[in-house]
């Protein structure tokens, strides 16, 4: 990042942390007036600030309220830039049409919104469908508009089963799929596993892929993917998730003495964490990759450690869950691998 762009990042960051949307919009428009290209502003300033928001929250240097406020302000900045003359000037004739949507259940819409704007800057007609688009509604839109591609975004790996359904449905409608977002893995491994036609690590890469020519349309929609979609372990975990969360919470209360002093809010947060543990184990079984679960557990432990919550609470939750999953060898092996990594 050059010093000029870095200056604009710091100005926008300060406005976001102050909760001042007007200062944030002024910072973005000042960058345009200073000659920063629109794509550079979107990717190297606004996206960089949003990434910093996530890192600072994870490190417990900003609160959840600050994180939500900063994200909302960055979205307002995108709103303002969408109407700026620089968004439209020097644009090439329309290269084609792309539908951009978040996977059903995925509420992290910022990456998809950013992609939409970068595509528009580069001459694409974009239908931005927003967060949590139900697959039937997405498919209906594809049939109505016949876009060149569907760009599907997901940030949380627990949405991978829903992503698989959406990818398959889009391809069955004759639309190739470009997948993106943290859920698909840092190297796109889960996008390939689930049969996406292409994967991009960021919006610039997505633009390059689409500009290189039409994405291939699969002749066999949904080809490939996990071989065990109706597998016993995934199905059992999927059906029993609420019961498992309750069982883990009941036993944790007996195993972790300090939980007796937890407030109602703390107990609710712990139950939410346990639900995520179950959900990520389920996603790990779906894609047959224990590393997905181990990586998540390490991330969760880091989040807790930054907030003064001892790691042994997470380990205890994993131990209790293992005791409830008799007869599920793949799930138990995945839990054991993650538990050993944490204890190490």
Protein backbone atom coordinates (compact mmCIF):
# COMPACT_ATOMS: atom_id res chain seq x y z
CA UNK A 1 0.00 0.00 0.00
CA UNK A 2 1.48 3.34 -1.00
CA UNK A 3 1.64 6.24 1.43
CA UNK A 4 -1.09 8.19 -0.37
CA UNK A 5 -3.58 5.34 -0.15
CA UNK A 6 -2.51 4.63 3.43
CA UNK A 7 -3.41 8.20 4.38
CA UNK A 8 -6.94 7.72 3.06
CA UNK A 9 -7.24 4.41 4.95
CA UNK A 10 -6.34 6.12 8.22
CA UNK A 11 -8.79 8.97 7.59
CA UNK A 12 -11.64 6.58 6.85
CA UNK A 13 -10.69 4.39 9.81
CA UNK A 14 -10.81 7.37 12.17
CA UNK A 15 -14.24 8.36 10.87
CA UNK A 16 -15.56 4.80 11.23
CA UNK A 17 -14.25 4.54 14.79
CA UNK A 18 -15.82 7.91 15.63
CA UNK A 19 -19.15 6.68 14.28
CA UNK A 20 -19.26 9.65 11.92
CA UNK A 21 -20.80 8.62 8.59
CA UNK A 22 -20.54 12.12 7.16
CA UNK A 23 -16.82 12.31 7.84
CA UNK A 24 -16.44 8.83 6.34
CA UNK A 25 -18.26 9.81 3.14
CA UNK A 26 -16.22 13.00 2.95
CA UNK A 27 -13.02 10.97 3.35
CA UNK A 28 -14.00 8.70 0.46
CA UNK A 29 -15.00 11.53 -1.87
CA UNK A 30 -11.83 13.44 -0.95
CA UNK A 31 -9.83 10.40 -2.06
CA UNK A 32 -11.62 10.47 -5.44
CA UNK A 33 -10.95 14.21 -5.74
CA UNK A 34 -7.27 13.52 -4.98
CA UNK A 35 -7.11 11.20 -7.99
CA UNK A 36 -7.52 7.79 -6.37
CA UNK A 37 -9.17 5.50 -8.96
CA UNK A 38 -12.57 4.17 -7.93
CA UNK A 39 -11.47 0.52 -7.93
CA UNK A 40 -8.43 1.39 -5.79
CA UNK A 41 -10.66 3.30 -3.38
CA UNK A 42 -13.06 0.36 -3.08
CA UNK A 43 -10.44 -2.38 -2.72
CA UNK A 44 -7.47 -0.70 -1.03
CA UNK A 45 -9.26 1.79 1.18
CA UNK A 46 -12.86 0.79 1.98
CA UNK A 47 -12.22 -2.98 1.95
CA UNK A 48 -8.98 -2.50 3.88
CA UNK A 49 -10.79 -0.57 6.59
CA UNK A 50 -13.52 -3.22 6.78
CA UNK A 51 -10.89 -5.96 7.14
CA UNK A 52 -9.25 -3.97 9.92
CA UNK A 53 -12.60 -3.71 11.69
CA UNK A 54 -12.79 -7.51 11.77
CA UNK A 55 -9.22 -7.91 13.00
CA UNK A 56 -9.66 -5.34 15.75
CA UNK A 57 -12.87 -6.98 16.94
CA UNK A 58 -11.20 -10.40 17.01
CA UNK A 59 -8.37 -8.98 19.11
CA UNK A 60 -10.93 -7.43 21.51
CA UNK A 61 -9.67 -3.93 20.80
CA UNK A 62 -13.11 -2.74 19.69
CA UNK A 63 -16.55 -3.78 20.92
CA UNK A 64 -19.29 -5.56 19.04
CA UNK A 65 -21.21 -2.28 18.93
CA UNK A 66 -18.20 -0.50 17.40
CA UNK A 67 -17.80 -3.29 14.86
CA UNK A 68 -21.44 -3.05 13.83
CA UNK A 69 -21.30 0.74 13.65
CA UNK A 70 -18.14 0.75 11.55
CA UNK A 71 -19.59 -1.82 9.17
CA UNK A 72 -22.77 0.22 8.78
CA UNK A 73 -20.70 3.33 8.07
CA UNK A 74 -18.63 1.50 5.45
CA UNK A 75 -21.88 0.40 3.81
CA UNK A 76 -23.02 4.04 3.76
CA UNK A 77 -19.73 4.91 2.07
CA UNK A 78 -20.49 2.34 -0.62
CA UNK A 79 -23.96 3.86 -1.00
CA UNK A 80 -22.46 7.29 -1.53
CA UNK A 81 -19.82 6.07 -3.97
CA UNK A 82 -22.49 4.25 -6.01
CA UNK A 83 -23.92 7.67 -6.91
CA UNK A 84 -20.57 9.40 -7.49
CA UNK A 85 -19.85 10.41 -11.11
CA UNK A 86 -16.54 8.53 -10.91
CA UNK A 87 -18.49 5.28 -10.63
CA UNK A 88 -19.86 5.82 -14.10
CA UNK A 89 -17.21 7.77 -16.00
CA UNK A 90 -14.79 6.00 -18.34
CA UNK A 91 -16.76 2.79 -18.06
CA UNK A 92 -16.55 0.33 -20.88
CA UNK A 93 -19.76 -0.74 -22.63
CA UNK A 94 -21.55 -3.44 -20.68
CA UNK A 95 -19.43 -6.58 -20.67
CA UNK A 96 -22.39 -8.71 -19.67
CA UNK A 97 -24.68 -9.42 -16.74
CA UNK A 98 -23.80 -10.96 -13.37
CA UNK A 99 -26.11 -11.88 -10.49
CA UNK A 100 -24.39 -11.38 -7.13
CA UNK A 101 -25.94 -12.97 -4.04
CA UNK A 102 -25.14 -14.29 -0.59
CA UNK A 103 -25.87 -17.93 0.14
CA UNK A 104 -29.11 -18.70 1.97
CA UNK A 105 -28.45 -18.05 5.67
CA UNK A 106 -25.38 -15.88 5.03
CA UNK A 107 -25.89 -12.42 6.51
CA UNK A 108 -22.36 -11.06 5.92
CA UNK A 109 -23.26 -9.07 2.83
CA UNK A 110 -20.36 -6.60 2.70
CA UNK A 111 -18.07 -8.74 0.47
CA UNK A 112 -20.87 -9.33 -2.05
CA UNK A 113 -21.78 -5.64 -2.04
CA UNK A 114 -18.14 -4.72 -2.64
CA UNK A 115 -17.88 -7.20 -5.51
CA UNK A 116 -20.99 -5.70 -7.09
CA UNK A 117 -19.47 -2.23 -7.07
CA UNK A 118 -16.11 -3.38 -8.44
CA UNK A 119 -17.90 -5.24 -11.25
CA UNK A 120 -19.91 -2.14 -12.10
CA UNK A 121 -16.76 -0.02 -12.25
CA UNK A 122 -15.42 -2.52 -14.77
CA UNK A 123 -18.44 -2.31 -17.04
CA UNK A 124 -20.67 -5.16 -15.89
CA UNK A 125 -24.42 -4.98 -15.45
CA UNK A 126 -24.93 -6.28 -11.91
CA UNK A 127 -28.02 -7.60 -10.19
CA UNK A 128 -27.16 -7.39 -6.49
CA UNK A 129 -29.58 -9.66 -4.62
CA UNK A 130 -28.19 -9.02 -1.14
CA UNK A 131 -27.88 -11.19 1.95
CA UNK A 132 -29.55 -14.52 2.72
CA UNK A 133 -31.15 -15.09 -0.66
CA UNK A 134 -33.22 -18.26 -0.65
CA UNK A 135 -32.11 -20.61 -3.41
CA UNK A 136 -35.57 -20.85 -5.07
CA UNK A 137 -35.73 -17.06 -5.34
CA UNK A 138 -32.20 -16.97 -6.75
CA UNK A 139 -33.07 -19.56 -9.39
CA UNK A 140 -36.26 -17.70 -10.32
CA UNK A 141 -34.17 -14.59 -10.88
CA UNK A 142 -31.73 -16.49 -13.09
CA UNK A 143 -34.55 -17.83 -15.25
CA UNK A 144 -35.98 -14.33 -15.61
CA UNK A 145 -32.73 -12.46 -16.40
CA UNK A 146 -30.41 -15.13 -17.91
CA UNK A 147 -27.14 -13.64 -16.59
CA UNK A 148 -23.70 -14.68 -17.81
CA UNK A 149 -22.77 -15.88 -14.32
CA UNK A 150 -23.96 -16.10 -10.73
CA UNK A 151 -21.43 -14.88 -8.17
CA UNK A 152 -22.20 -16.55 -4.84
CA UNK A 153 -20.67 -15.25 -1.61
CA UNK A 154 -20.35 -16.85 1.82
CA UNK A 155 -18.18 -15.95 4.79
CA UNK A 156 -19.04 -18.77 7.22
CA UNK A 157 -18.17 -22.38 6.43
CA UNK A 158 -21.30 -23.56 8.23
CA UNK A 159 -23.14 -22.40 5.08
CA UNK A 160 -21.30 -24.86 2.82
CA UNK A 161 -24.21 -27.34 2.60
CA UNK A 162 -26.48 -24.46 1.54
CA UNK A 163 -23.78 -23.28 -0.87
CA UNK A 164 -23.69 -26.72 -2.46
CA UNK A 165 -27.45 -26.65 -3.00
CA UNK A 166 -27.25 -23.15 -4.52
CA UNK A 167 -24.36 -24.05 -6.83
CA UNK A 168 -26.16 -27.13 -8.09
CA UNK A 169 -29.43 -25.23 -8.59
CA UNK A 170 -27.77 -22.40 -10.52
CA UNK A 171 -26.00 -24.84 -12.81
CA UNK A 172 -29.23 -26.74 -13.37
CA UNK A 173 -30.73 -23.42 -14.49
CA UNK A 174 -27.90 -23.11 -17.04
CA UNK A 175 -25.91 -20.44 -15.19
CA UNK A 176 -22.24 -20.97 -14.34
CA UNK A 177 -21.19 -20.18 -10.77
CA UNK A 178 -18.31 -18.07 -9.52
CA UNK A 179 -17.81 -18.68 -5.77
CA UNK A 180 -16.05 -16.40 -3.32
CA UNK A 181 -15.73 -15.64 0.36
CA UNK A 182 -13.94 -17.08 3.37
CA UNK A 183 -16.34 -20.02 3.63
CA UNK A 184 -14.85 -21.60 0.51
CA UNK A 185 -11.34 -21.78 1.98
CA UNK A 186 -8.33 -19.53 1.55
CA UNK A 187 -7.40 -21.48 -1.59
CA UNK A 188 -10.92 -22.16 -2.87
CA UNK A 189 -10.76 -25.86 -2.01
CA UNK A 190 -14.41 -26.06 -0.97
CA UNK A 191 -15.61 -24.17 -4.03
CA UNK A 192 -13.96 -26.82 -6.21
CA UNK A 193 -15.19 -29.65 -4.01
CA UNK A 194 -18.79 -28.45 -4.24
CA UNK A 195 -18.63 -28.11 -8.01
CA UNK A 196 -18.41 -24.35 -8.56
CA UNK A 197 -17.28 -23.43 -12.07
CA UNK A 198 -14.74 -20.92 -10.75
CA UNK A 199 -13.45 -19.39 -7.51
CA UNK A 200 -11.94 -15.98 -6.84
CA UNK A 201 -10.08 -14.87 -3.70
CA UNK A 202 -11.24 -11.25 -4.04
CA UNK A 203 -13.21 -8.88 -6.24
CA UNK A 204 -10.26 -8.00 -8.49
CA UNK A 205 -9.62 -11.65 -9.24
CA UNK A 206 -13.34 -12.14 -9.94
CA UNK A 207 -13.27 -9.30 -12.48
CA UNK A 208 -10.21 -10.82 -14.18
CA UNK A 209 -11.85 -14.24 -14.39
CA UNK A 210 -15.03 -12.87 -15.91
CA UNK A 211 -13.13 -10.61 -18.31
CA UNK A 212 -11.09 -13.57 -19.60
CA UNK A 213 -14.17 -15.05 -21.25
CA UNK A 214 -17.40 -16.84 -20.43
CA UNK A 215 -17.25 -19.21 -17.51
CA UNK A 216 -17.77 -22.79 -18.66
CA UNK A 217 -21.30 -24.10 -18.29
CA UNK A 218 -21.25 -27.58 -16.86
CA UNK A 219 -23.01 -30.22 -18.92
CA UNK A 220 -23.64 -32.24 -15.76
CA UNK A 221 -24.93 -29.82 -13.09
CA UNK A 222 -23.67 -30.55 -9.62
CA UNK A 223 -21.06 -33.02 -10.79
CA UNK A 224 -18.48 -33.82 -8.18
CA UNK A 225 -18.77 -32.79 -4.55
CA UNK A 226 -18.75 -34.86 -1.40
CA UNK A 227 -19.61 -38.48 -1.97
CA UNK A 228 -21.65 -38.99 1.19
CA UNK A 229 -24.32 -36.31 1.16
CA UNK A 230 -26.88 -38.67 2.65
CA UNK A 231 -24.23 -40.07 5.01
CA UNK A 232 -25.23 -41.36 8.38
CA UNK A 233 -22.98 -39.09 10.46
CA UNK A 234 -23.81 -35.80 8.79
CA UNK A 235 -27.53 -36.62 8.78
CA UNK A 236 -27.55 -37.59 12.44
CA UNK A 237 -25.66 -34.45 13.44
CA UNK A 238 -27.96 -32.31 11.33
CA UNK A 239 -31.09 -33.72 12.94
CA UNK A 240 -29.84 -33.71 16.53
CA UNK A 241 -28.02 -30.34 16.67
CA UNK A 242 -30.42 -28.57 19.12
CA UNK A 243 -30.47 -31.61 21.39
CA UNK A 244 -26.66 -31.80 21.33
CA UNK A 245 -26.33 -28.14 22.30
CA UNK A 246 -28.63 -28.64 25.27
CA UNK A 247 -26.76 -31.77 26.31
CA UNK A 248 -23.37 -30.05 26.14
CA UNK A 249 -24.61 -27.06 28.14
CA UNK A 250 -26.09 -29.28 30.87
CA UNK A 251 -22.86 -31.22 31.30
CA UNK A 252 -20.62 -28.14 31.02
CA UNK A 253 -22.40 -26.65 34.00
CA UNK A 254 -21.20 -29.64 36.04
CA UNK A 255 -17.66 -29.80 34.63
CA UNK A 256 -16.76 -26.10 34.66
CA UNK A 257 -17.28 -24.73 38.21
CA UNK A 258 -16.93 -21.07 37.19
CA UNK A 259 -20.06 -21.34 35.06
CA UNK A 260 -22.10 -21.28 38.28
CA UNK A 261 -21.31 -17.57 38.50
CA UNK A 262 -22.14 -16.82 34.84
CA UNK A 263 -24.78 -14.20 34.17
CA UNK A 264 -27.71 -14.98 31.91
CA UNK A 265 -25.94 -13.12 29.10
CA UNK A 266 -22.76 -15.15 29.59
CA UNK A 267 -24.71 -18.40 29.58
CA UNK A 268 -26.45 -17.34 26.39
CA UNK A 269 -23.10 -16.55 24.76
CA UNK A 270 -21.72 -19.92 25.84
CA UNK A 271 -24.73 -21.71 24.33
CA UNK A 272 -24.19 -19.78 21.10
CA UNK A 273 -20.53 -20.86 21.07
CA UNK A 274 -21.52 -24.49 21.60
CA UNK A 275 -24.00 -24.22 18.73
CA UNK A 276 -21.19 -22.95 16.50
CA UNK A 277 -19.00 -25.87 17.56
CA UNK A 278 -21.74 -28.30 16.51
CA UNK A 279 -22.37 -26.42 13.27
CA UNK A 280 -18.70 -26.37 12.28
CA UNK A 281 -18.34 -30.05 13.10
CA UNK A 282 -21.31 -30.70 10.84
CA UNK A 283 -19.76 -28.63 8.02
CA UNK A 284 -16.46 -30.43 8.47
CA UNK A 285 -18.18 -33.77 8.04
CA UNK A 286 -20.01 -32.47 4.97
CA UNK A 287 -16.80 -31.61 3.13
CA UNK A 288 -14.85 -34.48 4.70
CA UNK A 289 -12.12 -32.18 5.98
CA UNK A 290 -11.16 -32.30 9.70
CA UNK A 291 -8.94 -29.26 9.18
CA UNK A 292 -12.00 -27.07 8.73
CA UNK A 293 -13.12 -27.86 12.28
CA UNK A 294 -9.63 -27.62 13.80
CA UNK A 295 -9.06 -24.22 12.24
CA UNK A 296 -12.38 -22.94 13.53
CA UNK A 297 -11.69 -24.21 17.06
CA UNK A 298 -8.28 -22.53 17.09
CA UNK A 299 -9.92 -19.28 15.93
CA UNK A 300 -12.62 -19.54 18.61
CA UNK A 301 -10.00 -20.19 21.30
CA UNK A 302 -8.07 -17.13 20.16
CA UNK A 303 -11.23 -15.02 20.37
CA UNK A 304 -11.88 -16.30 23.91
CA UNK A 305 -8.28 -15.82 25.03
CA UNK A 306 -8.36 -12.18 23.87
CA UNK A 307 -11.40 -11.73 26.13
CA UNK A 308 -9.91 -13.44 29.18
CA UNK A 309 -11.90 -16.66 28.80
CA UNK A 310 -9.69 -19.68 29.53
CA UNK A 311 -9.15 -22.17 26.70
CA UNK A 312 -10.11 -25.10 28.92
CA UNK A 313 -13.80 -24.12 28.55
CA UNK A 314 -13.63 -24.83 24.80
CA UNK A 315 -11.72 -28.07 25.40
CA UNK A 316 -14.32 -29.14 27.95
CA UNK A 317 -17.13 -28.45 25.48
CA UNK A 318 -15.40 -30.60 22.87
CA UNK A 319 -14.90 -33.41 25.40
CA UNK A 320 -18.57 -33.33 26.39
CA UNK A 321 -19.68 -33.31 22.75
CA UNK A 322 -17.49 -36.33 22.03
CA UNK A 323 -19.23 -38.20 24.83
CA UNK A 324 -22.60 -37.56 23.18
CA UNK A 325 -21.55 -38.80 19.73
CA UNK A 326 -21.12 -42.51 20.25
CA UNK A 327 -21.17 -44.51 17.04
CA UNK A 328 -19.91 -41.64 14.87
CA UNK A 329 -16.24 -42.50 14.17
CA UNK A 330 -15.53 -39.69 11.70
CA UNK A 331 -17.01 -37.05 14.01
CA UNK A 332 -15.08 -38.45 16.99
CA UNK A 333 -11.82 -38.50 15.03
CA UNK A 334 -12.39 -34.89 13.96
CA UNK A 335 -13.05 -33.84 17.57
CA UNK A 336 -9.99 -35.71 18.83
CA UNK A 337 -7.72 -34.07 16.26
CA UNK A 338 -8.94 -30.60 17.15
CA UNK A 339 -8.75 -31.29 20.89
CA UNK A 340 -5.17 -32.52 20.62
CA UNK A 341 -4.20 -29.39 18.68
CA UNK A 342 -5.71 -27.18 21.37
CA UNK A 343 -4.04 -29.03 24.21
CA UNK A 344 -0.70 -28.80 22.43
